[in-house]
C-alpha atoms as a PDB file:
ATOM      1  CA  MET A   1       0.049  -0.005   0.017  1.00  0.00           C
ATOM      2  CA  ASN A   2       1.127   3.543  -0.731  1.00  0.00           C
ATOM      3  CA  ILE A   3       0.583   5.839   2.260  1.00  0.00           C
ATOM      4  CA  ALA A   4       0.943   9.634   2.345  1.00  0.00           C
ATOM      5  CA  LEU A   5       1.910  11.361   5.577  1.00  0.00           C
ATOM      6  CA  ILE A   6       1.296  15.136   5.798  1.00  0.00           C
ATOM      7  CA  ALA A   7       1.126  17.464   8.752  1.00  0.00           C
ATOM      8  CA  HIS A   8       0.769  21.221   9.269  1.00  0.00           C
ATOM      9  CA  ASP A   9       3.506  22.849  11.381  1.00  0.00           C
ATOM     10  CA  LYS A  10       1.635  22.639  14.650  1.00  0.00           C
ATOM     11  CA  LYS A  11       0.845  18.975  14.023  1.00  0.00           C
ATOM     12  CA  LYS A  12       4.298  17.732  13.070  1.00  0.00           C
ATOM     13  CA  ASP A  13       5.039  16.451  16.542  1.00  0.00           C
ATOM     14  CA  ASP A  14       1.803  14.440  16.398  1.00  0.00           C
ATOM     15  CA  ILE A  15       2.583  12.821  13.068  1.00  0.00           C
ATOM     16  CA  VAL A  16       6.002  11.836  14.402  1.00  0.00           C
ATOM     17  CA  LYS A  17       4.262  10.234  17.382  1.00  0.00           C
ATOM     18  CA  ILE A  18       1.983   8.281  15.068  1.00  0.00           C
ATOM     19  CA  ALA A  19       4.952   7.185  12.936  1.00  0.00           C
ATOM     20  CA  LYS A  20       6.746   5.956  16.036  1.00  0.00           C
ATOM     21  CA  ALA A  21       3.681   4.226  17.533  1.00  0.00           C
ATOM     22  CA  TYR A  22       2.827   2.457  14.274  1.00  0.00           C
ATOM     23  CA  GLN A  23       6.288   2.049  12.852  1.00  0.00           C
ATOM     24  CA  LEU A  24       5.939  -1.753  12.626  1.00  0.00           C
ATOM     25  CA  ILE A  25       2.832  -1.284  10.449  1.00  0.00           C
ATOM     26  CA  LEU A  26       4.222   1.582   8.380  1.00  0.00           C
ATOM     27  CA  GLU A  27       7.560   0.005   7.571  1.00  0.00           C
ATOM     28  CA  LYS A  28       5.774  -2.690   5.540  1.00  0.00           C
ATOM     29  CA  HIS A  29       4.406  -0.150   3.080  1.00  0.00           C
ATOM     30  CA  GLU A  30       5.586   2.513   0.618  1.00  0.00           C
ATOM     31  CA  LEU A  31       5.607   5.833   2.430  1.00  0.00           C
ATOM     32  CA  TYR A  32       5.361   9.283   0.956  1.00  0.00           C
ATOM     33  CA  ALA A  33       5.388  12.649   2.685  1.00  0.00           C
ATOM     34  CA  THR A  34       5.604  16.337   2.101  1.00  0.00           C
ATOM     35  CA  GLY A  35       9.042  17.959   2.603  1.00  0.00           C
ATOM     36  CA  THR A  36       9.527  18.943   6.276  1.00  0.00           C
ATOM     37  CA  THR A  37       7.108  16.322   7.592  1.00  0.00           C
ATOM     38  CA  GLY A  38       9.002  13.605   5.734  1.00  0.00           C
ATOM     39  CA  LYS A  39      12.388  14.851   7.053  1.00  0.00           C
ATOM     40  CA  ARG A  40      11.097  14.848  10.658  1.00  0.00           C
ATOM     41  CA  ILE A  41       9.667  11.332  10.308  1.00  0.00           C
ATOM     42  CA  MET A  42      12.853   9.983   8.696  1.00  0.00           C
ATOM     43  CA  ASP A  43      15.147  11.639  11.276  1.00  0.00           C
ATOM     44  CA  GLU A  44      13.105  10.508  14.279  1.00  0.00           C
ATOM     45  CA  THR A  45      12.027   7.005  13.208  1.00  0.00           C
ATOM     46  CA  GLY A  46      14.471   5.851  10.542  1.00  0.00           C
ATOM     47  CA  LEU A  47      11.577   4.978   8.265  1.00  0.00           C
ATOM     48  CA  ASP A  48      12.322   5.062   4.551  1.00  0.00           C
ATOM     49  CA  LEU A  49      10.037   7.310   2.575  1.00  0.00           C
ATOM     50  CA  HIS A  50       9.812   9.421  -0.577  1.00  0.00           C
ATOM     51  CA  ARG A  51       9.718  13.117   0.112  1.00  0.00           C
ATOM     52  CA  PHE A  52       7.731  15.457  -2.128  1.00  0.00           C
ATOM     53  CA  LYS A  53       8.066  19.215  -1.936  1.00  0.00           C
ATOM     54  CA  SER A  54       6.840  21.153   1.103  1.00  0.00           C
ATOM     55  CA  GLY A  55       3.068  21.535   1.077  1.00  0.00           C
ATOM     56  CA  PRO A  56       3.064  25.298   0.322  1.00  0.00           C
ATOM     57  CA  LEU A  57       5.531  24.679  -2.499  1.00  0.00           C
ATOM     58  CA  GLY A  58       3.396  22.119  -4.258  1.00  0.00           C
ATOM     59  CA  GLY A  59       3.808  18.926  -2.210  1.00  0.00           C
ATOM     60  CA  ASP A  60       0.057  18.688  -1.519  1.00  0.00           C
ATOM     61  CA  GLN A  61      -0.523  18.894  -5.290  1.00  0.00           C
ATOM     62  CA  GLN A  62       2.106  16.223  -5.979  1.00  0.00           C
ATOM     63  CA  ILE A  63       0.283  13.886  -3.619  1.00  0.00           C
ATOM     64  CA  GLY A  64      -2.956  14.855  -5.241  1.00  0.00           C
ATOM     65  CA  ALA A  65      -1.560  13.833  -8.574  1.00  0.00           C
ATOM     66  CA  TYR A  66      -0.676  10.395  -7.153  1.00  0.00           C
ATOM     67  CA  ILE A  67      -4.249  10.075  -5.846  1.00  0.00           C
ATOM     68  CA  SER A  68      -5.772  10.975  -9.269  1.00  0.00           C
ATOM     69  CA  ASP A  69      -3.412   8.440 -10.928  1.00  0.00           C
ATOM     70  CA  ASN A  70      -4.530   5.689  -8.515  1.00  0.00           C
ATOM     71  CA  LYS A  71      -1.055   5.539  -6.921  1.00  0.00           C
ATOM     72  CA  MET A  72      -2.034   6.390  -3.355  1.00  0.00           C
ATOM     73  CA  ASP A  73      -4.027   4.100  -1.054  1.00  0.00           C
ATOM     74  CA  LEU A  74      -4.215   5.951   2.240  1.00  0.00           C
ATOM     75  CA  VAL A  75      -3.656   9.543   3.374  1.00  0.00           C
ATOM     76  CA  ILE A  76      -2.918  10.757   6.871  1.00  0.00           C
ATOM     77  CA  PHE A  77      -3.079  14.553   6.836  1.00  0.00           C
ATOM     78  CA  LEU A  78      -2.921  16.012  10.312  1.00  0.00           C
ATOM     79  CA  ARG A  79      -4.420  19.454   9.734  1.00  0.00           C
ATOM     80  CA  ASP A  80      -4.322  22.408  12.041  1.00  0.00           C
ATOM     81  CA  PRO A  81      -7.949  23.628  11.972  1.00  0.00           C
ATOM     82  CA  LEU A  82      -7.144  26.738  14.103  1.00  0.00           C
ATOM     83  CA  THR A  83      -4.443  28.301  11.939  1.00  0.00           C
ATOM     84  CA  SER A  84      -5.036  29.845   8.534  1.00  0.00           C
ATOM     85  CA  GLN A  85      -2.951  28.331   5.731  1.00  0.00           C
ATOM     86  CA  ALA A  86      -1.829  30.336   2.754  1.00  0.00           C
ATOM     87  CA  HIS A  87      -2.212  27.321   0.495  1.00  0.00           C
ATOM     88  CA  GLU A  88      -5.745  26.435   1.681  1.00  0.00           C
ATOM     89  CA  PRO A  89      -7.034  25.889  -1.915  1.00  0.00           C
ATOM     90  CA  ASP A  90      -4.396  23.165  -2.414  1.00  0.00           C
ATOM     91  CA  ILE A  91      -5.438  21.516   0.889  1.00  0.00           C
ATOM     92  CA  SER A  92      -9.079  21.601  -0.114  1.00  0.00           C
ATOM     93  CA  ALA A  93      -8.260  20.131  -3.514  1.00  0.00           C
ATOM     94  CA  LEU A  94      -6.305  17.250  -1.897  1.00  0.00           C
ATOM     95  CA  LEU A  95      -9.191  16.466   0.452  1.00  0.00           C
ATOM     96  CA  ARG A  96     -11.629  16.586  -2.425  1.00  0.00           C
ATOM     97  CA  LEU A  97      -9.506  14.176  -4.457  1.00  0.00           C
ATOM     98  CA  CYS A  98      -9.527  11.709  -1.574  1.00  0.00           C
ATOM     99  CA  ASP A  99     -13.314  11.795  -1.666  1.00  0.00           C
ATOM    100  CA  VAL A 100     -13.549  11.621  -5.425  1.00  0.00           C
ATOM    101  CA  TYR A 101     -11.212   8.607  -5.633  1.00  0.00           C
ATOM    102  CA  GLU A 102     -12.415   7.013  -2.387  1.00  0.00           C
ATOM    103  CA  ILE A 103      -9.021   7.135  -0.672  1.00  0.00           C
ATOM    104  CA  PRO A 104      -9.221   6.683   3.103  1.00  0.00           C
ATOM    105  CA  LEU A 105      -8.249   9.959   4.783  1.00  0.00           C
ATOM    106  CA  ALA A 106      -7.406  10.733   8.421  1.00  0.00           C
ATOM    107  CA  THR A 107      -7.216  14.308   9.514  1.00  0.00           C
ATOM    108  CA  ASN A 108      -6.540  13.773  13.203  1.00  0.00           C
ATOM    109  CA  MET A 109      -4.712  11.311  15.448  1.00  0.00           C
ATOM    110  CA  GLY A 110      -7.896   9.370  16.349  1.00  0.00           C
ATOM    111  CA  SER A 111      -8.900   8.637  12.728  1.00  0.00           C
ATOM    112  CA  ALA A 112      -5.236   7.950  11.829  1.00  0.00           C
ATOM    113  CA  GLU A 113      -5.078   5.230  14.470  1.00  0.00           C
ATOM    114  CA  VAL A 114      -8.328   3.630  13.201  1.00  0.00           C
ATOM    115  CA  LEU A 115      -7.087   3.590   9.621  1.00  0.00           C
ATOM    116  CA  LEU A 116      -3.682   2.132  10.595  1.00  0.00           C
ATOM    117  CA  ARG A 117      -5.271  -0.532  12.773  1.00  0.00           C
ATOM    118  CA  GLY A 118      -7.542  -1.395   9.833  1.00  0.00           C
ATOM    119  CA  LEU A 119      -4.520  -1.591   7.581  1.00  0.00           C
ATOM    120  CA  GLN A 120      -2.889  -3.953  10.073  1.00  0.00           C
ATOM    121  CA  ALA A 121      -6.005  -6.134  10.133  1.00  0.00           C
ATOM    122  CA  GLY A 122      -6.127  -6.341   6.296  1.00  0.00           C
ATOM    123  CA  PHE A 123      -9.307  -4.308   5.741  1.00  0.00           C
ATOM    124  CA  TYR A 124      -8.127  -2.707   2.486  1.00  0.00           C
ATOM    125  CA  GLY A 125      -8.728  -5.510   0.063  1.00  0.00           C
ATOM    126  CA  TRP A 126     -11.054  -3.201  -1.950  1.00  0.00           C
ATOM    127  CA  ARG A 127      -7.992  -1.175  -2.932  1.00  0.00           C
ATOM    128  CA  ASP A 128      -6.678  -4.248  -4.692  1.00  0.00           C
ATOM    129  CA  ILE A 129      -9.886  -4.403  -6.709  1.00  0.00           C
ATOM    130  CA  THR A 130      -9.617  -0.718  -7.536  1.00  0.00           C
ATOM    131  CA  ARG A 131      -5.986  -1.161  -8.664  1.00  0.00           C
ATOM    132  CA  GLY A 132      -6.783  -4.347 -10.565  1.00  0.00           C
ATOM    133  CA  THR A 133      -4.576  -6.500  -8.374  1.00  0.00           C
ATOM    134  CA  GLU A 134      -7.234  -8.646  -6.757  1.00  0.00           C
ATOM    135  CA  ARG A 135      -6.311 -11.453  -4.462  1.00  0.00           C
ATOM    136  CA  GLU A 136      -8.188 -14.752  -4.621  1.00  0.00           C
ATOM    137  CA  SER A 137     -10.024 -14.114  -1.377  1.00  0.00           C
ATOM    138  CA  LEU A 138     -10.899 -10.765   0.059  1.00  0.00           C
ATOM    139  CA  HIS A 139     -11.824 -10.388   3.704  1.00  0.00           C
ATOM    140  CA  PHE A 140     -14.546  -7.767   4.012  1.00  0.00           C
END
């Protein structure tokens, strides 16, 4: 599974906590992140991931392109709802793409935990169908 990890400045400590807590799950998958978030996760966990540009410099749009090309399976985007973001239209576009392409999206630590536990339990078989890589038996 391809997983995007994104966090606004005031949420970067939280996404690092998630990466540490769920490192054994995350390390089994292909990880992608926006610039600074990715650097923090790599430095503090040792997880290997692909870093896109910083969100305000186009990283959100790069992840959006992966979503629209069916190359992203799960997005964890810890947003700061109390701070105005200069690139808010890009953020809204990314969230909209997750809805359009039915990509699971977590925007806070609680929903991130639920999605990662679901990943661990194997509840994403429908993504194999969407990608055309169906397994013989799906566990819904």
